[in-house]
Amino acid sequence: MLSELLDLSRLESGQAAFHLSPEDPSELVKKAVNKFGPRAADSEVHVVVDVLSGEMPVVTADPGKMEQVLLNLLSNALKSSDSGTVITVGVEKHGSSIDITVADEGKGISHDNLPHIFERFYKVNSSRGDTGTGLGLAIAKHIVLAHSGEIFVESTLGVGSKFTIRLPVPVGFQELSKSILSS
């Protein structure tokens, strides 16, 4: 918990170190899912990667920090999912941005809780025996904001939740994206 508090403090104060570079968002997702796969398999939850084929623009990102965000979202999705369900991680172009989504078929989040889930120490249901600190989504939010992006959630009780990370495609990176994909 102390480590997470220090991370959050550095992020909020703008003192966290970021190592930004042009990144293929599909590769960011695949790396995080590969790292997370064994945890999901142990819980008998299937993780599906849904990446639209074709040219995907690159984004400016710190791959380690984005992996931290994705692993947090995947971990939360797993906590709310029953065995035999599916977590879908997607990447798609959305105007001049890229959307990375993590969707589960879990318990969902009530409408009353949605406005608060990115606040520090907030837990949707502390009676579930959740051992989390309530800092993961606050950290994820600040990492995404530091990437000039946004993060939001849609959820329906009993149906599941879908978290979306929206990252801008920097002007001029479209050409860089084409050259990276063709090499």
C-alpha atoms as a PDB file:
ATOM      1  CA  MET A   1       0.000   0.000   0.000  1.00  0.00           C
ATOM      2  CA  LEU A   2       2.865   2.354   0.804  1.00  0.00           C
ATOM      3  CA  SER A   3       4.319   1.817  -2.666  1.00  0.00           C
ATOM      4  CA  GLU A   4       0.963   2.607  -4.288  1.00  0.00           C
ATOM      5  CA  LEU A   5       0.586   5.766  -2.160  1.00  0.00           C
ATOM      6  CA  LEU A   6       4.047   6.925  -3.223  1.00  0.00           C
ATOM      7  CA  ASP A   7       3.229   6.190  -6.885  1.00  0.00           C
ATOM      8  CA  LEU A   8      -0.011   8.139  -6.637  1.00  0.00           C
ATOM      9  CA  SER A   9       1.686  11.045  -4.867  1.00  0.00           C
ATOM     10  CA  ARG A  10       4.369  11.258  -7.592  1.00  0.00           C
ATOM     11  CA  LEU A  11       1.708  11.108 -10.314  1.00  0.00           C
ATOM     12  CA  GLU A  12      -0.473  13.775  -8.706  1.00  0.00           C
ATOM     13  CA  SER A  13       2.483  16.109  -8.172  1.00  0.00           C
ATOM     14  CA  GLY A  14       3.789  15.611 -11.719  1.00  0.00           C
ATOM     15  CA  GLN A  15       7.050  14.140 -10.434  1.00  0.00           C
ATOM     16  CA  ALA A  16       6.595  10.612 -11.809  1.00  0.00           C
ATOM     17  CA  ALA A  17       9.144   9.697 -14.470  1.00  0.00           C
ATOM     18  CA  PHE A  18       7.674   8.869 -17.859  1.00  0.00           C
ATOM     19  CA  HIS A  19       9.655   7.391 -20.737  1.00  0.00           C
ATOM     20  CA  LEU A  20       7.490   8.275 -23.717  1.00  0.00           C
ATOM     21  CA  SER A  21       7.986   6.799 -27.152  1.00  0.00           C
ATOM     22  CA  PRO A  22       5.897   5.982 -30.233  1.00  0.00           C
ATOM     23  CA  GLU A  23       4.056   2.745 -29.423  1.00  0.00           C
ATOM     24  CA  ASP A  24       1.747   0.419 -31.304  1.00  0.00           C
ATOM     25  CA  PRO A  25      -1.345   0.200 -29.049  1.00  0.00           C
ATOM     26  CA  SER A  26      -2.056  -3.347 -30.237  1.00  0.00           C
ATOM     27  CA  GLU A  27       1.371  -4.439 -29.014  1.00  0.00           C
ATOM     28  CA  LEU A  28       0.851  -2.720 -25.653  1.00  0.00           C
ATOM     29  CA  VAL A  29      -2.347  -4.735 -25.220  1.00  0.00           C
ATOM     30  CA  LYS A  30      -0.843  -8.034 -26.358  1.00  0.00           C
ATOM     31  CA  LYS A  31       2.114  -7.715 -23.964  1.00  0.00           C
ATOM     32  CA  ALA A  32      -0.140  -6.978 -20.981  1.00  0.00           C
ATOM     33  CA  VAL A  33      -2.509  -9.829 -21.858  1.00  0.00           C
ATOM     34  CA  ASN A  34       0.403 -12.263 -22.255  1.00  0.00           C
ATOM     35  CA  LYS A  35       1.699 -11.284 -18.821  1.00  0.00           C
ATOM     36  CA  PHE A  36      -1.779 -11.571 -17.288  1.00  0.00           C
ATOM     37  CA  GLY A  37      -2.786 -14.811 -19.036  1.00  0.00           C
ATOM     38  CA  PRO A  38      -1.690 -17.294 -16.347  1.00  0.00           C
ATOM     39  CA  ARG A  39      -3.719 -15.518 -13.639  1.00  0.00           C
ATOM     40  CA  ALA A  40      -6.832 -15.653 -15.804  1.00  0.00           C
ATOM     41  CA  ALA A  41      -6.219 -19.301 -16.716  1.00  0.00           C
ATOM     42  CA  ASP A  42      -5.922 -20.214 -13.016  1.00  0.00           C
ATOM     43  CA  SER A  43      -9.366 -18.676 -12.484  1.00  0.00           C
ATOM     44  CA  GLU A  44     -10.790 -20.338 -15.612  1.00  0.00           C
ATOM     45  CA  VAL A  45     -11.607 -16.944 -17.117  1.00  0.00           C
ATOM     46  CA  HIS A  46     -10.870 -16.521 -20.822  1.00  0.00           C
ATOM     47  CA  VAL A  47      -9.131 -13.383 -22.063  1.00  0.00           C
ATOM     48  CA  VAL A  48      -9.805 -12.472 -25.678  1.00  0.00           C
ATOM     49  CA  VAL A  49      -7.874  -9.811 -27.600  1.00  0.00           C
ATOM     50  CA  ASP A  50     -10.024  -8.015 -30.170  1.00  0.00           C
ATOM     51  CA  VAL A  51      -7.821  -5.814 -32.342  1.00  0.00           C
ATOM     52  CA  LEU A  52      -9.158  -4.426 -35.598  1.00  0.00           C
ATOM     53  CA  SER A  53      -6.992  -5.445 -38.490  1.00  0.00           C
ATOM     54  CA  GLY A  54      -5.410  -2.848 -40.726  1.00  0.00           C
ATOM     55  CA  GLU A  55      -3.286   0.164 -40.028  1.00  0.00           C
ATOM     56  CA  MET A  56      -3.371   1.248 -36.421  1.00  0.00           C
ATOM     57  CA  PRO A  57      -1.836   4.647 -35.647  1.00  0.00           C
ATOM     58  CA  VAL A  58       0.837   4.735 -32.980  1.00  0.00           C
ATOM     59  CA  VAL A  59       0.380   6.607 -29.726  1.00  0.00           C
ATOM     60  CA  THR A  60       2.876   8.382 -27.510  1.00  0.00           C
ATOM     61  CA  ALA A  61       3.135   6.235 -24.414  1.00  0.00           C
ATOM     62  CA  ASP A  62       5.327   4.954 -21.642  1.00  0.00           C
ATOM     63  CA  PRO A  63       4.972   1.197 -22.240  1.00  0.00           C
ATOM     64  CA  GLY A  64       5.683   0.292 -18.608  1.00  0.00           C
ATOM     65  CA  LYS A  65       3.117   2.729 -17.245  1.00  0.00           C
ATOM     66  CA  MET A  66       0.481   1.666 -19.780  1.00  0.00           C
ATOM     67  CA  GLU A  67       1.129  -1.969 -18.877  1.00  0.00           C
ATOM     68  CA  GLN A  68       0.532  -1.020 -15.232  1.00  0.00           C
ATOM     69  CA  VAL A  69      -2.848   0.490 -16.175  1.00  0.00           C
ATOM     70  CA  LEU A  70      -3.861  -2.496 -18.303  1.00  0.00           C
ATOM     71  CA  LEU A  71      -2.814  -5.034 -15.667  1.00  0.00           C
ATOM     72  CA  ASN A  72      -4.844  -3.116 -13.075  1.00  0.00           C
ATOM     73  CA  LEU A  73      -7.936  -3.123 -15.295  1.00  0.00           C
ATOM     74  CA  LEU A  74      -7.470  -6.818 -16.111  1.00  0.00           C
ATOM     75  CA  SER A  75      -7.018  -7.653 -12.436  1.00  0.00           C
ATOM     76  CA  ASN A  76     -10.192  -5.773 -11.505  1.00  0.00           C
ATOM     77  CA  ALA A  77     -12.097  -7.489 -14.315  1.00  0.00           C
ATOM     78  CA  LEU A  78     -10.893 -10.869 -13.070  1.00  0.00           C
ATOM     79  CA  LYS A  79     -11.991 -10.102  -9.488  1.00  0.00           C
ATOM     80  CA  SER A  80     -15.544  -9.475 -10.670  1.00  0.00           C
ATOM     81  CA  SER A  81     -15.700 -12.408 -13.132  1.00  0.00           C
ATOM     82  CA  ASP A  82     -16.900 -15.936 -12.512  1.00  0.00           C
ATOM     83  CA  SER A  83     -15.128 -18.942 -13.999  1.00  0.00           C
ATOM     84  CA  GLY A  84     -16.148 -19.655 -17.566  1.00  0.00           C
ATOM     85  CA  THR A  85     -16.733 -15.988 -18.415  1.00  0.00           C
ATOM     86  CA  VAL A  86     -14.776 -13.829 -20.872  1.00  0.00           C
ATOM     87  CA  ILE A  87     -12.727 -10.669 -20.495  1.00  0.00           C
ATOM     88  CA  THR A  88     -12.338  -8.879 -23.833  1.00  0.00           C
ATOM     89  CA  VAL A  89      -9.487  -6.452 -24.438  1.00  0.00           C
ATOM     90  CA  GLY A  90      -9.908  -4.339 -27.548  1.00  0.00           C
ATOM     91  CA  VAL A  91      -8.113  -1.700 -29.563  1.00  0.00           C
ATOM     92  CA  GLU A  92      -9.832   0.471 -32.137  1.00  0.00           C
ATOM     93  CA  LYS A  93      -9.475   3.843 -33.798  1.00  0.00           C
ATOM     94  CA  HIS A  94     -11.920   6.464 -32.534  1.00  0.00           C
ATOM     95  CA  GLY A  95     -11.632   9.649 -34.593  1.00  0.00           C
ATOM     96  CA  SER A  96      -8.220  11.133 -33.857  1.00  0.00           C
ATOM     97  CA  SER A  97      -7.747   8.854 -30.851  1.00  0.00           C
ATOM     98  CA  ILE A  98      -7.192   5.208 -30.040  1.00  0.00           C
ATOM     99  CA  ASP A  99      -9.527   3.414 -27.638  1.00  0.00           C
ATOM    100  CA  ILE A 100      -8.197   0.535 -25.572  1.00  0.00           C
ATOM    101  CA  THR A 101     -11.017  -1.286 -23.803  1.00  0.00           C
ATOM    102  CA  VAL A 102     -11.222  -3.924 -21.087  1.00  0.00           C
ATOM    103  CA  ALA A 103     -14.688  -5.449 -20.809  1.00  0.00           C
ATOM    104  CA  ASP A 104     -15.862  -8.187 -18.470  1.00  0.00           C
ATOM    105  CA  GLU A 105     -19.021 -10.219 -17.984  1.00  0.00           C
ATOM    106  CA  GLY A 106     -18.853  -9.748 -14.240  1.00  0.00           C
ATOM    107  CA  LYS A 107     -21.059  -8.349 -11.542  1.00  0.00           C
ATOM    108  CA  GLY A 108     -21.092  -4.788 -12.842  1.00  0.00           C
ATOM    109  CA  ILE A 109     -20.978  -1.548 -10.904  1.00  0.00           C
ATOM    110  CA  SER A 110     -24.039   0.269  -9.611  1.00  0.00           C
ATOM    111  CA  HIS A 111     -24.924   3.654 -11.066  1.00  0.00           C
ATOM    112  CA  ASP A 112     -24.359   5.235  -7.629  1.00  0.00           C
ATOM    113  CA  ASN A 113     -20.754   3.966  -7.469  1.00  0.00           C
ATOM    114  CA  LEU A 114     -19.690   4.931 -10.998  1.00  0.00           C
ATOM    115  CA  PRO A 115     -18.832   8.601 -10.290  1.00  0.00           C
ATOM    116  CA  HIS A 116     -16.473   7.565  -7.469  1.00  0.00           C
ATOM    117  CA  ILE A 117     -14.500   4.583  -8.752  1.00  0.00           C
ATOM    118  CA  PHE A 118     -11.452   6.616  -9.822  1.00  0.00           C
ATOM    119  CA  GLU A 119     -11.137   8.238  -6.380  1.00  0.00           C
ATOM    120  CA  ARG A 120      -8.345   7.156  -4.052  1.00  0.00           C
ATOM    121  CA  PHE A 121      -9.310   4.461  -1.523  1.00  0.00           C
ATOM    122  CA  TYR A 122     -12.735   3.953  -3.102  1.00  0.00           C
ATOM    123  CA  LYS A 123     -13.945   0.363  -3.215  1.00  0.00           C
ATOM    124  CA  VAL A 124     -17.196  -0.598  -4.868  1.00  0.00           C
ATOM    125  CA  ASN A 125     -17.920  -3.337  -2.350  1.00  0.00           C
ATOM    126  CA  SER A 126     -15.551  -3.775   0.553  1.00  0.00           C
ATOM    127  CA  SER A 127     -17.587  -6.696   1.904  1.00  0.00           C
ATOM    128  CA  ARG A 128     -16.427  -9.008  -0.924  1.00  0.00           C
ATOM    129  CA  GLY A 129     -13.190  -9.717   0.923  1.00  0.00           C
ATOM    130  CA  ASP A 130     -11.270  -7.685  -1.630  1.00  0.00           C
ATOM    131  CA  THR A 131      -7.693  -7.260  -0.474  1.00  0.00           C
ATOM    132  CA  GLY A 132      -7.028  -4.307  -2.800  1.00  0.00           C
ATOM    133  CA  THR A 133      -6.053  -0.903  -1.494  1.00  0.00           C
ATOM    134  CA  GLY A 134      -8.586   1.126  -3.467  1.00  0.00           C
ATOM    135  CA  LEU A 135      -5.734   3.004  -5.154  1.00  0.00           C
ATOM    136  CA  GLY A 136      -5.383   1.106  -8.435  1.00  0.00           C
ATOM    137  CA  LEU A 137      -7.992   3.002 -10.443  1.00  0.00           C
ATOM    138  CA  ALA A 138      -6.830   6.363  -9.053  1.00  0.00           C
ATOM    139  CA  ILE A 139      -3.292   5.522 -10.184  1.00  0.00           C
ATOM    140  CA  ALA A 140      -4.591   4.330 -13.571  1.00  0.00           C
ATOM    141  CA  LYS A 141      -6.503   7.590 -14.020  1.00  0.00           C
ATOM    142  CA  HIS A 142      -3.442   9.736 -13.313  1.00  0.00           C
ATOM    143  CA  ILE A 143      -1.235   7.677 -15.633  1.00  0.00           C
ATOM    144  CA  VAL A 144      -3.761   8.046 -18.458  1.00  0.00           C
ATOM    145  CA  LEU A 145      -4.145  11.780 -17.783  1.00  0.00           C
ATOM    146  CA  ALA A 146      -0.342  12.149 -17.941  1.00  0.00           C
ATOM    147  CA  HIS A 147      -0.580  10.655 -21.458  1.00  0.00           C
ATOM    148  CA  SER A 148      -3.069  13.432 -22.396  1.00  0.00           C
ATOM    149  CA  GLY A 149      -5.753  10.769 -22.444  1.00  0.00           C
ATOM    150  CA  GLU A 150      -8.917   9.964 -20.578  1.00  0.00           C
ATOM    151  CA  ILE A 151     -10.325   6.897 -18.883  1.00  0.00           C
ATOM    152  CA  PHE A 152     -13.978   6.129 -18.300  1.00  0.00           C
ATOM    153  CA  VAL A 153     -16.295   3.249 -17.513  1.00  0.00           C
ATOM    154  CA  GLU A 154     -19.681   1.961 -18.586  1.00  0.00           C
ATOM    155  CA  SER A 155     -21.355  -0.684 -16.452  1.00  0.00           C
ATOM    156  CA  THR A 156     -24.598  -2.517 -15.895  1.00  0.00           C
ATOM    157  CA  LEU A 157     -25.279  -4.507 -12.736  1.00  0.00           C
ATOM    158  CA  GLY A 158     -25.364  -8.224 -13.432  1.00  0.00           C
ATOM    159  CA  VAL A 159     -24.029  -7.742 -16.972  1.00  0.00           C
ATOM    160  CA  GLY A 160     -20.478  -6.413 -16.575  1.00  0.00           C
ATOM    161  CA  SER A 161     -18.248  -3.400 -17.008  1.00  0.00           C
ATOM    162  CA  LYS A 162     -16.270  -1.844 -19.837  1.00  0.00           C
ATOM    163  CA  PHE A 163     -13.335   0.446 -19.098  1.00  0.00           C
ATOM    164  CA  THR A 164     -12.054   2.606 -21.949  1.00  0.00           C
ATOM    165  CA  ILE A 165      -8.669   4.287 -22.178  1.00  0.00           C
ATOM    166  CA  ARG A 166      -8.729   6.952 -24.902  1.00  0.00           C
ATOM    167  CA  LEU A 167      -5.295   8.107 -26.059  1.00  0.00           C
ATOM    168  CA  PRO A 168      -4.728  10.829 -28.647  1.00  0.00           C
ATOM    169  CA  VAL A 169      -2.873  10.099 -31.878  1.00  0.00           C
ATOM    170  CA  PRO A 170      -0.287  12.874 -32.129  1.00  0.00           C
ATOM    171  CA  VAL A 171      -0.323  14.886 -35.350  1.00  0.00           C
ATOM    172  CA  GLY A 172       2.408  13.637 -37.666  1.00  0.00           C
ATOM    173  CA  PHE A 173       2.432  10.157 -36.151  1.00  0.00           C
ATOM    174  CA  GLN A 174       0.144   8.808 -38.869  1.00  0.00           C
ATOM    175  CA  GLU A 175       3.114   8.741 -41.268  1.00  0.00           C
ATOM    176  CA  LEU A 176       5.359   7.229 -38.591  1.00  0.00           C
ATOM    177  CA  SER A 177       2.695   4.605 -37.945  1.00  0.00           C
ATOM    178  CA  LYS A 178       2.646   3.585 -41.598  1.00  0.00           C
ATOM    179  CA  SER A 179       6.424   3.272 -41.724  1.00  0.00           C
ATOM    180  CA  ILE A 180       6.536   1.165 -38.513  1.00  0.00           C
ATOM    181  CA  LEU A 181       3.821  -1.180 -39.765  1.00  0.00           C
ATOM    182  CA  SER A 182       5.445  -1.622 -43.179  1.00  0.00           C
ATOM    183  CA  SER A 183       8.880  -2.515 -41.780  1.00  0.00           C
END
